[in-house]
Amino acid sequence: MFDNLGLYVSTISQGLLLTVEATLGGIVIATILSFVFGLAMLSRSRTVRVVARIYVEIWRGTSEVVQLLWIYFVLPVLIGYRIVPLVAGIVVLGLNFGAYGAEIVRGAVRSVPKAQYEGAVALNLTATQRMRRVILPQALVEMVPPFNNLFIQLLKGSALLTMITVHEMTYQAREVLIDRHIDQAWLIWTLVLLFYLVLAIVITIVMRALEKWAGKLVGRKPPRQGFFRMLASKPTDVLVPEHTPRDLLEHQGGGAR
């Protein structure tokens, strides 16, 4: 039953690097777009808000599969250039999940208590200083847990790239192994599941570390806990009562400039 286990693991592993590349590339693009369009939706300019909202609604409101096929098959016809499958996949993952991330950023910034804005104004901080030194550090703590979920969803979405012949893990399992070992399909797909699970756990560990770092930026000290307890803990486990804008500036090593 397990005679070919080594073959299955090695074959699936050949697609691991492409899965990681697609995921990391998508995360980078999605993160940048999340902050750009999330903050744009809070802009005082109606035009900027409308443009940001159009982006979010288009990429959030249409099928990710159709987006992938459109970018890979239709866009090259329009621009006259062929797009590398992996690049097309990374772009679609970034654009699609960036739309969801923009709502996370917008919601996190708006969740910061109004008193924090008022306190920052009282300290004579400019709009940029208020956002950079008071609002965003507090909002970041609230963003990390939903971004953790978003990035895991992005990882799982990378399996769609098999549709445009990116030789990632799902492609290796379906196109290389299944046809020749159909009687062991259950084992092959179980191994693929485990690969994705391990990658998801890695993302969670990194994001929990980032959550602790973000908490330290605003003077929040998480409880000391072991590895498995960290994975099982709730995001609220690391929170303590909020600080005033002056406390945040002092914690960051300086007052208003």
C-alpha atoms as a PDB file:
ATOM      1  CA  MET A   1       0.000   0.000   0.000  1.00  0.00           C
ATOM      2  CA  PHE A   2       2.839   2.367   0.871  1.00  0.00           C
ATOM      3  CA  ASP A   3       5.424   0.945  -1.539  1.00  0.00           C
ATOM      4  CA  ASN A   4       5.405   4.100  -3.668  1.00  0.00           C
ATOM      5  CA  LEU A   5       5.156   6.572  -0.770  1.00  0.00           C
ATOM      6  CA  GLY A   6       8.637   7.943  -1.412  1.00  0.00           C
ATOM      7  CA  LEU A   7       7.813   8.468  -5.091  1.00  0.00           C
ATOM      8  CA  TYR A   8       4.595  10.300  -4.229  1.00  0.00           C
ATOM      9  CA  VAL A   9       6.285  12.595  -1.716  1.00  0.00           C
ATOM     10  CA  SER A  10       9.184  13.438  -4.033  1.00  0.00           C
ATOM     11  CA  THR A  11       6.894  14.095  -7.005  1.00  0.00           C
ATOM     12  CA  ILE A  12       4.611  16.377  -5.020  1.00  0.00           C
ATOM     13  CA  SER A  13       7.662  18.097  -3.533  1.00  0.00           C
ATOM     14  CA  GLN A  14       8.762  19.061  -7.038  1.00  0.00           C
ATOM     15  CA  GLY A  15       5.800  21.443  -7.083  1.00  0.00           C
ATOM     16  CA  LEU A  16       6.420  22.765  -3.578  1.00  0.00           C
ATOM     17  CA  LEU A  17       8.748  25.576  -4.655  1.00  0.00           C
ATOM     18  CA  LEU A  18       6.264  26.890  -7.225  1.00  0.00           C
ATOM     19  CA  THR A  19       3.472  26.760  -4.647  1.00  0.00           C
ATOM     20  CA  VAL A  20       5.609  28.745  -2.201  1.00  0.00           C
ATOM     21  CA  GLU A  21       6.625  31.239  -4.905  1.00  0.00           C
ATOM     22  CA  ALA A  22       3.028  31.773  -5.984  1.00  0.00           C
ATOM     23  CA  THR A  23       1.912  32.183  -2.382  1.00  0.00           C
ATOM     24  CA  LEU A  24       4.669  34.601  -1.367  1.00  0.00           C
ATOM     25  CA  GLY A  25       4.299  36.612  -4.562  1.00  0.00           C
ATOM     26  CA  GLY A  26       0.555  36.815  -4.063  1.00  0.00           C
ATOM     27  CA  ILE A  27       0.987  37.826  -0.416  1.00  0.00           C
ATOM     28  CA  VAL A  28       3.375  40.654  -1.316  1.00  0.00           C
ATOM     29  CA  ILE A  29       1.068  42.078  -3.999  1.00  0.00           C
ATOM     30  CA  ALA A  30      -2.060  41.562  -1.887  1.00  0.00           C
ATOM     31  CA  THR A  31      -0.499  43.292   1.124  1.00  0.00           C
ATOM     32  CA  ILE A  32       0.573  46.338  -0.885  1.00  0.00           C
ATOM     33  CA  LEU A  33      -2.814  46.644  -2.595  1.00  0.00           C
ATOM     34  CA  SER A  34      -4.609  46.118   0.714  1.00  0.00           C
ATOM     35  CA  PHE A  35      -2.968  49.150   2.299  1.00  0.00           C
ATOM     36  CA  VAL A  36      -3.128  51.318  -0.819  1.00  0.00           C
ATOM     37  CA  PHE A  37      -6.809  50.756  -1.530  1.00  0.00           C
ATOM     38  CA  GLY A  38      -7.846  50.252   2.101  1.00  0.00           C
ATOM     39  CA  LEU A  39      -6.533  53.697   2.997  1.00  0.00           C
ATOM     40  CA  ALA A  40      -7.825  55.107  -0.302  1.00  0.00           C
ATOM     41  CA  MET A  41     -11.356  54.127   0.717  1.00  0.00           C
ATOM     42  CA  LEU A  42     -10.902  56.401   3.746  1.00  0.00           C
ATOM     43  CA  SER A  43      -9.653  59.327   1.670  1.00  0.00           C
ATOM     44  CA  ARG A  44     -11.358  62.698   1.848  1.00  0.00           C
ATOM     45  CA  SER A  45     -11.403  62.743  -1.940  1.00  0.00           C
ATOM     46  CA  ARG A  46     -14.577  61.287  -3.396  1.00  0.00           C
ATOM     47  CA  THR A  47     -12.756  60.403  -6.613  1.00  0.00           C
ATOM     48  CA  VAL A  48     -10.107  58.397  -4.766  1.00  0.00           C
ATOM     49  CA  ARG A  49     -12.770  56.590  -2.744  1.00  0.00           C
ATOM     50  CA  VAL A  50     -14.746  55.715  -5.871  1.00  0.00           C
ATOM     51  CA  VAL A  51     -11.686  54.366  -7.694  1.00  0.00           C
ATOM     52  CA  ALA A  52     -10.746  52.246  -4.683  1.00  0.00           C
ATOM     53  CA  ARG A  53     -14.284  50.948  -4.320  1.00  0.00           C
ATOM     54  CA  ILE A  54     -14.452  50.006  -8.016  1.00  0.00           C
ATOM     55  CA  TYR A  55     -11.276  47.952  -7.678  1.00  0.00           C
ATOM     56  CA  VAL A  56     -12.545  46.183  -4.560  1.00  0.00           C
ATOM     57  CA  GLU A  57     -15.967  45.367  -5.993  1.00  0.00           C
ATOM     58  CA  ILE A  58     -14.630  44.089  -9.328  1.00  0.00           C
ATOM     59  CA  TRP A  59     -12.005  41.772  -7.891  1.00  0.00           C
ATOM     60  CA  ARG A  60     -14.050  40.707  -4.883  1.00  0.00           C
ATOM     61  CA  GLY A  61     -17.278  40.290  -6.818  1.00  0.00           C
ATOM     62  CA  THR A  62     -16.090  38.128  -9.711  1.00  0.00           C
ATOM     63  CA  SER A  63     -14.938  34.520  -9.811  1.00  0.00           C
ATOM     64  CA  GLU A  64     -11.288  33.907  -9.055  1.00  0.00           C
ATOM     65  CA  VAL A  65     -11.272  31.103 -11.638  1.00  0.00           C
ATOM     66  CA  VAL A  66     -12.641  33.398 -14.339  1.00  0.00           C
ATOM     67  CA  GLN A  67     -10.150  36.105 -13.357  1.00  0.00           C
ATOM     68  CA  LEU A  68      -7.306  33.612 -13.747  1.00  0.00           C
ATOM     69  CA  LEU A  69      -8.503  32.415 -17.153  1.00  0.00           C
ATOM     70  CA  TRP A  70      -9.122  35.986 -18.333  1.00  0.00           C
ATOM     71  CA  ILE A  71      -5.652  37.199 -17.347  1.00  0.00           C
ATOM     72  CA  TYR A  72      -3.945  34.173 -18.885  1.00  0.00           C
ATOM     73  CA  PHE A  73      -5.961  33.684 -22.081  1.00  0.00           C
ATOM     74  CA  VAL A  74      -7.696  36.999 -22.881  1.00  0.00           C
ATOM     75  CA  LEU A  75      -5.235  39.665 -21.729  1.00  0.00           C
ATOM     76  CA  PRO A  76      -2.382  38.376 -23.993  1.00  0.00           C
ATOM     77  CA  VAL A  77      -4.702  38.733 -26.992  1.00  0.00           C
ATOM     78  CA  LEU A  78      -5.433  42.351 -26.040  1.00  0.00           C
ATOM     79  CA  ILE A  79      -1.834  43.400 -25.369  1.00  0.00           C
ATOM     80  CA  GLY A  80      -0.095  41.170 -27.892  1.00  0.00           C
ATOM     81  CA  TYR A  81       2.255  39.529 -25.406  1.00  0.00           C
ATOM     82  CA  ARG A  82       2.180  36.081 -23.874  1.00  0.00           C
ATOM     83  CA  ILE A  83       2.093  36.002 -20.075  1.00  0.00           C
ATOM     84  CA  VAL A  84       4.144  33.450 -18.144  1.00  0.00           C
ATOM     85  CA  PRO A  85       1.698  31.136 -16.296  1.00  0.00           C
ATOM     86  CA  LEU A  86       3.292  31.660 -12.869  1.00  0.00           C
ATOM     87  CA  VAL A  87       3.293  35.441 -13.302  1.00  0.00           C
ATOM     88  CA  ALA A  88      -0.368  35.399 -14.350  1.00  0.00           C
ATOM     89  CA  GLY A  89      -1.217  33.308 -11.303  1.00  0.00           C
ATOM     90  CA  ILE A  90       0.654  35.553  -8.879  1.00  0.00           C
ATOM     91  CA  VAL A  91      -0.976  38.673 -10.337  1.00  0.00           C
ATOM     92  CA  VAL A  92      -4.468  37.209 -10.012  1.00  0.00           C
ATOM     93  CA  LEU A  93      -3.854  36.008  -6.450  1.00  0.00           C
ATOM     94  CA  GLY A  94      -2.520  39.430  -5.497  1.00  0.00           C
ATOM     95  CA  LEU A  95      -5.337  41.394  -7.128  1.00  0.00           C
ATOM     96  CA  ASN A  96      -8.091  39.110  -5.845  1.00  0.00           C
ATOM     97  CA  PHE A  97      -6.970  38.840  -2.244  1.00  0.00           C
ATOM     98  CA  GLY A  98      -5.823  42.450  -2.204  1.00  0.00           C
ATOM     99  CA  ALA A  99      -9.467  43.425  -2.638  1.00  0.00           C
ATOM    100  CA  TYR A 100     -10.436  41.461   0.460  1.00  0.00           C
ATOM    101  CA  GLY A 101      -7.419  42.815   2.328  1.00  0.00           C
ATOM    102  CA  ALA A 102      -8.423  46.386   1.507  1.00  0.00           C
ATOM    103  CA  GLU A 103     -11.609  45.873   3.490  1.00  0.00           C
ATOM    104  CA  ILE A 104      -9.568  44.490   6.389  1.00  0.00           C
ATOM    105  CA  VAL A 105      -7.372  47.600   6.421  1.00  0.00           C
ATOM    106  CA  ARG A 106     -10.337  49.943   6.116  1.00  0.00           C
ATOM    107  CA  GLY A 107     -12.209  48.208   8.927  1.00  0.00           C
ATOM    108  CA  ALA A 108      -9.173  48.072  11.224  1.00  0.00           C
ATOM    109  CA  VAL A 109      -8.413  51.775  10.807  1.00  0.00           C
ATOM    110  CA  ARG A 110     -12.031  52.703  11.433  1.00  0.00           C
ATOM    111  CA  SER A 111     -12.077  50.522  14.559  1.00  0.00           C
ATOM    112  CA  VAL A 112      -9.527  52.766  16.287  1.00  0.00           C
ATOM    113  CA  PRO A 113     -11.477  54.779  18.908  1.00  0.00           C
ATOM    114  CA  LYS A 114     -12.336  58.355  17.990  1.00  0.00           C
ATOM    115  CA  ALA A 115     -10.613  59.517  21.165  1.00  0.00           C
ATOM    116  CA  GLN A 116      -7.297  58.444  19.658  1.00  0.00           C
ATOM    117  CA  TYR A 117      -7.829  60.772  16.704  1.00  0.00           C
ATOM    118  CA  GLU A 118      -8.832  63.608  19.007  1.00  0.00           C
ATOM    119  CA  GLY A 119      -5.820  63.045  21.249  1.00  0.00           C
ATOM    120  CA  ALA A 120      -3.478  63.059  18.262  1.00  0.00           C
ATOM    121  CA  VAL A 121      -4.984  66.333  17.059  1.00  0.00           C
ATOM    122  CA  ALA A 122      -4.519  67.785  20.549  1.00  0.00           C
ATOM    123  CA  LEU A 123      -0.824  66.913  20.303  1.00  0.00           C
ATOM    124  CA  ASN A 124      -0.603  69.002  17.101  1.00  0.00           C
ATOM    125  CA  LEU A 125       0.284  66.031  14.920  1.00  0.00           C
ATOM    126  CA  THR A 126      -0.197  66.414  11.190  1.00  0.00           C
ATOM    127  CA  ALA A 127      -2.585  64.106   9.347  1.00  0.00           C
ATOM    128  CA  THR A 128       0.334  61.988   8.152  1.00  0.00           C
ATOM    129  CA  GLN A 129       1.842  61.799  11.642  1.00  0.00           C
ATOM    130  CA  ARG A 130      -1.517  60.877  13.147  1.00  0.00           C
ATOM    131  CA  MET A 131      -1.926  58.005  10.719  1.00  0.00           C
ATOM    132  CA  ARG A 132       1.667  56.773  10.865  1.00  0.00           C
ATOM    133  CA  ARG A 133       2.377  57.130  14.586  1.00  0.00           C
ATOM    134  CA  VAL A 134      -0.989  56.739  16.304  1.00  0.00           C
ATOM    135  CA  ILE A 135      -3.689  55.198  14.121  1.00  0.00           C
ATOM    136  CA  LEU A 136      -1.865  52.608  11.990  1.00  0.00           C
ATOM    137  CA  PRO A 137       0.152  51.059  14.866  1.00  0.00           C
ATOM    138  CA  GLN A 138      -3.104  50.354  16.718  1.00  0.00           C
ATOM    139  CA  ALA A 139      -4.961  49.259  13.597  1.00  0.00           C
ATOM    140  CA  LEU A 140      -2.133  46.896  12.643  1.00  0.00           C
ATOM    141  CA  VAL A 141      -2.759  44.790  15.737  1.00  0.00           C
ATOM    142  CA  GLU A 142      -6.360  44.330  14.614  1.00  0.00           C
ATOM    143  CA  MET A 143      -5.358  43.566  11.011  1.00  0.00           C
ATOM    144  CA  VAL A 144      -2.981  40.692  11.662  1.00  0.00           C
ATOM    145  CA  PRO A 145      -5.487  37.937  12.645  1.00  0.00           C
ATOM    146  CA  PRO A 146      -7.769  38.459   9.601  1.00  0.00           C
ATOM    147  CA  PHE A 147      -4.702  38.766   7.371  1.00  0.00           C
ATOM    148  CA  ASN A 148      -3.579  35.413   8.743  1.00  0.00           C
ATOM    149  CA  ASN A 149      -6.828  33.868   7.511  1.00  0.00           C
ATOM    150  CA  LEU A 150      -6.552  35.738   4.209  1.00  0.00           C
ATOM    151  CA  PHE A 151      -3.031  34.495   3.518  1.00  0.00           C
ATOM    152  CA  ILE A 152      -4.019  30.895   4.269  1.00  0.00           C
ATOM    153  CA  GLN A 153      -6.910  31.275   1.829  1.00  0.00           C
ATOM    154  CA  LEU A 154      -4.436  32.653  -0.702  1.00  0.00           C
ATOM    155  CA  LEU A 155      -2.214  29.618  -0.176  1.00  0.00           C
ATOM    156  CA  LYS A 156      -5.126  27.305  -0.875  1.00  0.00           C
ATOM    157  CA  GLY A 157      -6.140  29.427  -3.854  1.00  0.00           C
ATOM    158  CA  SER A 158      -2.720  28.788  -5.400  1.00  0.00           C
ATOM    159  CA  ALA A 159      -3.991  25.299  -6.285  1.00  0.00           C
ATOM    160  CA  LEU A 160      -6.065  26.941  -9.028  1.00  0.00           C
ATOM    161  CA  LEU A 161      -2.867  27.659 -10.917  1.00  0.00           C
ATOM    162  CA  THR A 162      -2.914  24.041 -12.079  1.00  0.00           C
ATOM    163  CA  MET A 163      -5.582  25.198 -14.555  1.00  0.00           C
ATOM    164  CA  ILE A 164      -2.990  27.258 -16.444  1.00  0.00           C
ATOM    165  CA  THR A 165      -0.315  24.546 -16.297  1.00  0.00           C
ATOM    166  CA  VAL A 166       1.729  25.894 -13.389  1.00  0.00           C
ATOM    167  CA  HIS A 167       3.475  22.776 -12.083  1.00  0.00           C
ATOM    168  CA  GLU A 168       2.709  23.382  -8.430  1.00  0.00           C
ATOM    169  CA  MET A 169       1.775  20.645  -5.946  1.00  0.00           C
ATOM    170  CA  THR A 170      -1.787  20.066  -7.130  1.00  0.00           C
ATOM    171  CA  TYR A 171      -0.617  19.831 -10.743  1.00  0.00           C
ATOM    172  CA  GLN A 172       2.052  17.319  -9.785  1.00  0.00           C
ATOM    173  CA  ALA A 173      -0.535  15.182  -8.005  1.00  0.00           C
ATOM    174  CA  ARG A 174      -3.278  15.367 -10.632  1.00  0.00           C
ATOM    175  CA  GLU A 175      -1.353  15.388 -13.892  1.00  0.00           C
ATOM    176  CA  VAL A 176       1.744  13.382 -12.993  1.00  0.00           C
ATOM    177  CA  LEU A 177       0.693  10.858 -10.337  1.00  0.00           C
ATOM    178  CA  ILE A 178      -3.039  10.204 -10.518  1.00  0.00           C
ATOM    179  CA  ASP A 179      -3.101   8.945 -14.123  1.00  0.00           C
ATOM    180  CA  ARG A 180      -0.420   6.363 -13.371  1.00  0.00           C
ATOM    181  CA  HIS A 181      -1.510   5.461  -9.836  1.00  0.00           C
ATOM    182  CA  ILE A 182      -5.278   5.887  -9.850  1.00  0.00           C
ATOM    183  CA  ASP A 183      -5.680   3.079  -7.314  1.00  0.00           C
ATOM    184  CA  GLN A 184      -3.634   5.137  -4.828  1.00  0.00           C
ATOM    185  CA  ALA A 185      -5.490   8.396  -5.390  1.00  0.00           C
ATOM    186  CA  TRP A 186      -6.596   8.514  -1.757  1.00  0.00           C
ATOM    187  CA  LEU A 187      -2.987   8.419  -0.556  1.00  0.00           C
ATOM    188  CA  ILE A 188      -1.772  10.953  -3.112  1.00  0.00           C
ATOM    189  CA  TRP A 189      -4.450  13.509  -2.245  1.00  0.00           C
ATOM    190  CA  THR A 190      -3.930  12.916   1.476  1.00  0.00           C
ATOM    191  CA  LEU A 191      -0.254  13.774   1.048  1.00  0.00           C
ATOM    192  CA  VAL A 192      -1.181  16.952  -0.847  1.00  0.00           C
ATOM    193  CA  LEU A 193      -3.507  17.909   1.995  1.00  0.00           C
ATOM    194  CA  LEU A 194      -0.701  17.421   4.502  1.00  0.00           C
ATOM    195  CA  PHE A 195       1.674  19.575   2.446  1.00  0.00           C
ATOM    196  CA  TYR A 196      -0.849  22.408   2.406  1.00  0.00           C
ATOM    197  CA  LEU A 197      -1.513  21.951   6.123  1.00  0.00           C
ATOM    198  CA  VAL A 198       2.178  22.302   6.960  1.00  0.00           C
ATOM    199  CA  LEU A 199       2.434  25.471   4.862  1.00  0.00           C
ATOM    200  CA  ALA A 200      -0.674  26.891   6.537  1.00  0.00           C
ATOM    201  CA  ILE A 201       0.832  26.227   9.967  1.00  0.00           C
ATOM    202  CA  VAL A 202       4.022  28.027   8.911  1.00  0.00           C
ATOM    203  CA  ILE A 203       1.960  31.046   7.844  1.00  0.00           C
ATOM    204  CA  THR A 204       0.135  30.994  11.185  1.00  0.00           C
ATOM    205  CA  ILE A 205       3.392  30.880  13.153  1.00  0.00           C
ATOM    206  CA  VAL A 206       4.805  33.829  11.204  1.00  0.00           C
ATOM    207  CA  MET A 207       1.611  35.843  11.588  1.00  0.00           C
ATOM    208  CA  ARG A 208       1.396  35.175  15.326  1.00  0.00           C
ATOM    209  CA  ALA A 209       4.982  36.420  15.666  1.00  0.00           C
ATOM    210  CA  LEU A 210       4.000  39.491  13.644  1.00  0.00           C
ATOM    211  CA  GLU A 211       0.998  40.002  15.900  1.00  0.00           C
ATOM    212  CA  LYS A 212       3.266  40.039  18.953  1.00  0.00           C
ATOM    213  CA  TRP A 213       5.603  42.509  17.257  1.00  0.00           C
ATOM    214  CA  ALA A 214       2.689  44.758  16.313  1.00  0.00           C
ATOM    215  CA  GLY A 215       1.466  44.597  19.901  1.00  0.00           C
ATOM    216  CA  LYS A 216       4.855  45.725  21.178  1.00  0.00           C
ATOM    217  CA  LEU A 217       4.686  48.773  18.912  1.00  0.00           C
ATOM    218  CA  VAL A 218       1.779  50.044  20.972  1.00  0.00           C
ATOM    219  CA  GLY A 219       3.031  48.745  24.319  1.00  0.00           C
ATOM    220  CA  ARG A 220       0.942  45.589  24.459  1.00  0.00           C
ATOM    221  CA  LYS A 221       2.634  42.633  26.079  1.00  0.00           C
ATOM    222  CA  PRO A 222       1.298  39.170  25.187  1.00  0.00           C
ATOM    223  CA  PRO A 223       1.338  36.407  27.813  1.00  0.00           C
ATOM    224  CA  ARG A 224       4.211  33.944  27.664  1.00  0.00           C
ATOM    225  CA  GLN A 225       3.033  30.672  26.157  1.00  0.00           C
ATOM    226  CA  GLY A 226       4.281  27.525  24.466  1.00  0.00           C
ATOM    227  CA  PHE A 227       4.127  26.659  20.778  1.00  0.00           C
ATOM    228  CA  PHE A 228       0.853  24.696  20.731  1.00  0.00           C
ATOM    229  CA  ARG A 229      -0.828  27.111  23.111  1.00  0.00           C
ATOM    230  CA  MET A 230       0.204  29.943  20.795  1.00  0.00           C
ATOM    231  CA  LEU A 231      -1.496  28.222  17.858  1.00  0.00           C
ATOM    232  CA  ALA A 232      -4.655  27.671  19.878  1.00  0.00           C
ATOM    233  CA  SER A 233      -4.797  31.109  21.469  1.00  0.00           C
ATOM    234  CA  LYS A 234      -7.309  33.722  20.408  1.00  0.00           C
ATOM    235  CA  PRO A 235      -6.157  37.069  18.993  1.00  0.00           C
ATOM    236  CA  THR A 236      -7.664  38.828  22.010  1.00  0.00           C
ATOM    237  CA  ASP A 237      -5.304  36.895  24.282  1.00  0.00           C
ATOM    238  CA  VAL A 238      -2.510  39.350  23.438  1.00  0.00           C
ATOM    239  CA  LEU A 239      -4.431  42.554  24.048  1.00  0.00           C
ATOM    240  CA  VAL A 240      -4.309  44.884  27.034  1.00  0.00           C
ATOM    241  CA  PRO A 241      -6.098  48.185  27.668  1.00  0.00           C
ATOM    242  CA  GLU A 242      -5.392  50.813  25.001  1.00  0.00           C
ATOM    243  CA  HIS A 243      -2.888  53.615  25.436  1.00  0.00           C
ATOM    244  CA  THR A 244      -3.277  57.316  24.820  1.00  0.00           C
ATOM    245  CA  PRO A 245      -1.616  58.916  21.771  1.00  0.00           C
ATOM    246  CA  ARG A 246       1.011  60.470  24.075  1.00  0.00           C
ATOM    247  CA  ASP A 247       1.802  57.015  25.498  1.00  0.00           C
ATOM    248  CA  LEU A 248       2.255  55.670  21.971  1.00  0.00           C
ATOM    249  CA  LEU A 249       4.602  58.483  20.979  1.00  0.00           C
ATOM    250  CA  GLU A 250       6.690  57.978  24.111  1.00  0.00           C
ATOM    251  CA  HIS A 251       6.770  54.230  23.487  1.00  0.00           C
ATOM    252  CA  GLN A 252       8.024  54.862  19.955  1.00  0.00           C
ATOM    253  CA  GLY A 253      10.774  57.073  21.330  1.00  0.00           C
ATOM    254  CA  GLY A 254       9.669  60.616  20.692  1.00  0.00           C
ATOM    255  CA  GLY A 255       6.932  63.182  20.733  1.00  0.00           C
ATOM    256  CA  ALA A 256       5.289  65.134  17.975  1.00  0.00           C
ATOM    257  CA  ARG A 257       7.651  66.497  15.370  1.00  0.00           C
END
